[in-house]
Amino acid sequence: MKKIANLEEFNEIIKGEKPVLVDFFAEWCGPCKMQTPILEALEKEITEIDFCKLNVDELEQVAINYGISAIPALFLFKNGEVVAKIIGLNGKEELKNKLEKHI
């Protein structure tokens, strides 16, 4: 899963041809650490979506711009627009079902 390094990269990634799931996370967040292996497994199964991670401590302004107040927060972007928000820890099948509605 690609880690987004800066604002310019974020803006470029969310406007890609494929939908992009951005995992807003923090290193200190326990539920975020639990969500990561689930996302890595789904990344192998759902090839129609690109999966990325964004550290809210490193790119705080992006998190503020999108109103992130709880993590993990998963935002699905299509053509630069948010089409789905999934807040909190989700199991694999639950998350897969939510994402497949937007493919």
C-alpha atoms as a PDB file:
ATOM      1  CA  MET A   1       0.000   0.000   0.000  1.00  0.00           C
ATOM      2  CA  LYS A   2       1.467   3.330  -1.076  1.00  0.00           C
ATOM      3  CA  LYS A   3       2.107   5.926   1.613  1.00  0.00           C
ATOM      4  CA  ILE A   4       1.317   9.479   0.521  1.00  0.00           C
ATOM      5  CA  ALA A   5       4.295  11.723   1.248  1.00  0.00           C
ATOM      6  CA  ASN A   6       3.044  15.261   0.597  1.00  0.00           C
ATOM      7  CA  LEU A   7       0.102  17.433  -0.423  1.00  0.00           C
ATOM      8  CA  GLU A   8       1.051  17.534  -4.104  1.00  0.00           C
ATOM      9  CA  GLU A   9       1.201  13.744  -4.259  1.00  0.00           C
ATOM     10  CA  PHE A  10      -2.159  13.486  -2.474  1.00  0.00           C
ATOM     11  CA  ASN A  11      -3.806  15.865  -4.954  1.00  0.00           C
ATOM     12  CA  GLU A  12      -2.376  13.911  -7.885  1.00  0.00           C
ATOM     13  CA  ILE A  13      -3.372  10.490  -6.507  1.00  0.00           C
ATOM     14  CA  ILE A  14      -7.011  11.323  -5.764  1.00  0.00           C
ATOM     15  CA  LYS A  15      -7.542  12.542  -9.331  1.00  0.00           C
ATOM     16  CA  GLY A  16      -6.322   9.296 -10.907  1.00  0.00           C
ATOM     17  CA  GLU A  17      -8.283   7.218 -13.383  1.00  0.00           C
ATOM     18  CA  LYS A  18      -9.073   4.518 -10.827  1.00  0.00           C
ATOM     19  CA  PRO A  19     -10.985   5.099  -7.592  1.00  0.00           C
ATOM     20  CA  VAL A  20      -8.585   5.584  -4.659  1.00  0.00           C
ATOM     21  CA  LEU A  21      -9.128   4.537  -1.053  1.00  0.00           C
ATOM     22  CA  VAL A  22      -7.132   6.752   1.299  1.00  0.00           C
ATOM     23  CA  ASP A  23      -6.545   5.378   4.789  1.00  0.00           C
ATOM     24  CA  PHE A  24      -6.118   8.350   7.147  1.00  0.00           C
ATOM     25  CA  PHE A  25      -4.089   6.909  10.031  1.00  0.00           C
ATOM     26  CA  ALA A  26      -1.527   7.641  12.750  1.00  0.00           C
ATOM     27  CA  GLU A  27       1.369   5.505  13.957  1.00  0.00           C
ATOM     28  CA  TRP A  28       0.126   5.668  17.574  1.00  0.00           C
ATOM     29  CA  CYS A  29      -3.433   4.547  16.705  1.00  0.00           C
ATOM     30  CA  GLY A  30      -4.197   0.962  17.787  1.00  0.00           C
ATOM     31  CA  PRO A  31      -7.300   0.502  15.603  1.00  0.00           C
ATOM     32  CA  CYS A  32      -5.311   1.897  12.640  1.00  0.00           C
ATOM     33  CA  LYS A  33      -2.704  -0.820  13.143  1.00  0.00           C
ATOM     34  CA  MET A  34      -5.468  -3.424  13.190  1.00  0.00           C
ATOM     35  CA  GLN A  35      -7.022  -1.997  10.002  1.00  0.00           C
ATOM     36  CA  THR A  36      -3.774  -2.144   7.996  1.00  0.00           C
ATOM     37  CA  PRO A  37      -3.592  -5.942   7.414  1.00  0.00           C
ATOM     38  CA  ILE A  38      -7.270  -5.952   6.434  1.00  0.00           C
ATOM     39  CA  LEU A  39      -6.624  -3.234   3.847  1.00  0.00           C
ATOM     40  CA  GLU A  40      -3.520  -5.031   2.570  1.00  0.00           C
ATOM     41  CA  ALA A  41      -5.581  -8.190   2.037  1.00  0.00           C
ATOM     42  CA  LEU A  42      -8.355  -6.270   0.264  1.00  0.00           C
ATOM     43  CA  GLU A  43      -5.803  -4.521  -1.942  1.00  0.00           C
ATOM     44  CA  LYS A  44      -4.970  -7.936  -3.438  1.00  0.00           C
ATOM     45  CA  GLU A  45      -8.653  -8.781  -3.967  1.00  0.00           C
ATOM     46  CA  ILE A  46     -10.101  -5.492  -5.210  1.00  0.00           C
ATOM     47  CA  THR A  47      -7.890  -4.474  -8.107  1.00  0.00           C
ATOM     48  CA  GLU A  48     -10.359  -1.842  -9.367  1.00  0.00           C
ATOM     49  CA  ILE A  49      -9.341   0.437  -6.469  1.00  0.00           C
ATOM     50  CA  ASP A  50      -5.925   1.878  -5.591  1.00  0.00           C
ATOM     51  CA  PHE A  51      -5.125   1.769  -1.864  1.00  0.00           C
ATOM     52  CA  CYS A  52      -3.050   4.466  -0.131  1.00  0.00           C
ATOM     53  CA  LYS A  53      -2.182   5.562   3.401  1.00  0.00           C
ATOM     54  CA  LEU A  54      -1.915   9.113   4.710  1.00  0.00           C
ATOM     55  CA  ASN A  55      -0.378   9.835   8.118  1.00  0.00           C
ATOM     56  CA  VAL A  56      -2.523  12.548   9.736  1.00  0.00           C
ATOM     57  CA  ASP A  57       0.380  13.662  11.929  1.00  0.00           C
ATOM     58  CA  GLU A  58       2.636  14.244   8.908  1.00  0.00           C
ATOM     59  CA  LEU A  59      -0.016  15.790   6.634  1.00  0.00           C
ATOM     60  CA  GLU A  60      -2.202  17.435   9.247  1.00  0.00           C
ATOM     61  CA  GLN A  61      -3.568  20.084   6.871  1.00  0.00           C
ATOM     62  CA  VAL A  62      -5.065  17.437   4.565  1.00  0.00           C
ATOM     63  CA  ALA A  63      -6.796  15.803   7.547  1.00  0.00           C
ATOM     64  CA  ILE A  64      -8.127  19.193   8.657  1.00  0.00           C
ATOM     65  CA  ASN A  65      -9.335  20.013   5.127  1.00  0.00           C
ATOM     66  CA  TYR A  66     -11.372  16.782   5.039  1.00  0.00           C
ATOM     67  CA  GLY A  67     -12.707  17.135   8.588  1.00  0.00           C
ATOM     68  CA  ILE A  68     -10.995  14.036   9.932  1.00  0.00           C
ATOM     69  CA  SER A  69     -11.847  13.877  13.635  1.00  0.00           C
ATOM     70  CA  ALA A  70     -11.552  10.118  14.219  1.00  0.00           C
ATOM     71  CA  ILE A  71      -9.186   7.516  12.810  1.00  0.00           C
ATOM     72  CA  PRO A  72      -8.949   5.183  11.080  1.00  0.00           C
ATOM     73  CA  ALA A  73     -10.916   7.078   8.464  1.00  0.00           C
ATOM     74  CA  LEU A  74     -11.185   5.615   4.990  1.00  0.00           C
ATOM     75  CA  PHE A  75     -12.196   7.981   2.204  1.00  0.00           C
ATOM     76  CA  LEU A  76     -12.914   6.679  -1.278  1.00  0.00           C
ATOM     77  CA  PHE A  77     -12.181   9.199  -4.029  1.00  0.00           C
ATOM     78  CA  LYS A  78     -13.343   9.136  -7.652  1.00  0.00           C
ATOM     79  CA  ASN A  79     -12.077  11.868  -9.966  1.00  0.00           C
ATOM     80  CA  GLY A  80     -10.935  13.927  -6.972  1.00  0.00           C
ATOM     81  CA  GLU A  81     -14.308  13.773  -5.181  1.00  0.00           C
ATOM     82  CA  VAL A  82     -15.151  11.874  -1.981  1.00  0.00           C
ATOM     83  CA  VAL A  83     -17.764   9.230  -2.797  1.00  0.00           C
ATOM     84  CA  ALA A  84     -17.638   7.272   0.467  1.00  0.00           C
ATOM     85  CA  LYS A  85     -16.469   7.758   4.051  1.00  0.00           C
ATOM     86  CA  ILE A  86     -15.892   4.820   6.362  1.00  0.00           C
ATOM     87  CA  ILE A  87     -14.961   5.800   9.907  1.00  0.00           C
ATOM     88  CA  GLY A  88     -13.539   3.423  12.508  1.00  0.00           C
ATOM     89  CA  LEU A  89     -12.220  -0.122  12.388  1.00  0.00           C
ATOM     90  CA  ASN A  90     -14.035  -2.388   9.931  1.00  0.00           C
ATOM     91  CA  GLY A  91     -13.787  -6.122   9.374  1.00  0.00           C
ATOM     92  CA  LYS A  92     -12.680  -7.462   6.008  1.00  0.00           C
ATOM     93  CA  GLU A  93     -16.038  -8.626   4.647  1.00  0.00           C
ATOM     94  CA  GLU A  94     -17.893  -5.551   5.910  1.00  0.00           C
ATOM     95  CA  LEU A  95     -15.315  -3.255   4.327  1.00  0.00           C
ATOM     96  CA  LYS A  96     -15.258  -5.244   1.092  1.00  0.00           C
ATOM     97  CA  ASN A  97     -19.039  -4.960   0.770  1.00  0.00           C
ATOM     98  CA  LYS A  98     -18.943  -1.199   1.372  1.00  0.00           C
ATOM     99  CA  LEU A  99     -16.190  -0.667  -1.207  1.00  0.00           C
ATOM    100  CA  GLU A 100     -17.693  -2.885  -3.911  1.00  0.00           C
ATOM    101  CA  LYS A 101     -20.812  -0.688  -3.971  1.00  0.00           C
ATOM    102  CA  HIS A 102     -18.672   2.073  -5.470  1.00  0.00           C
ATOM    103  CA  ILE A 103     -16.775   0.155  -8.145  1.00  0.00           C
END
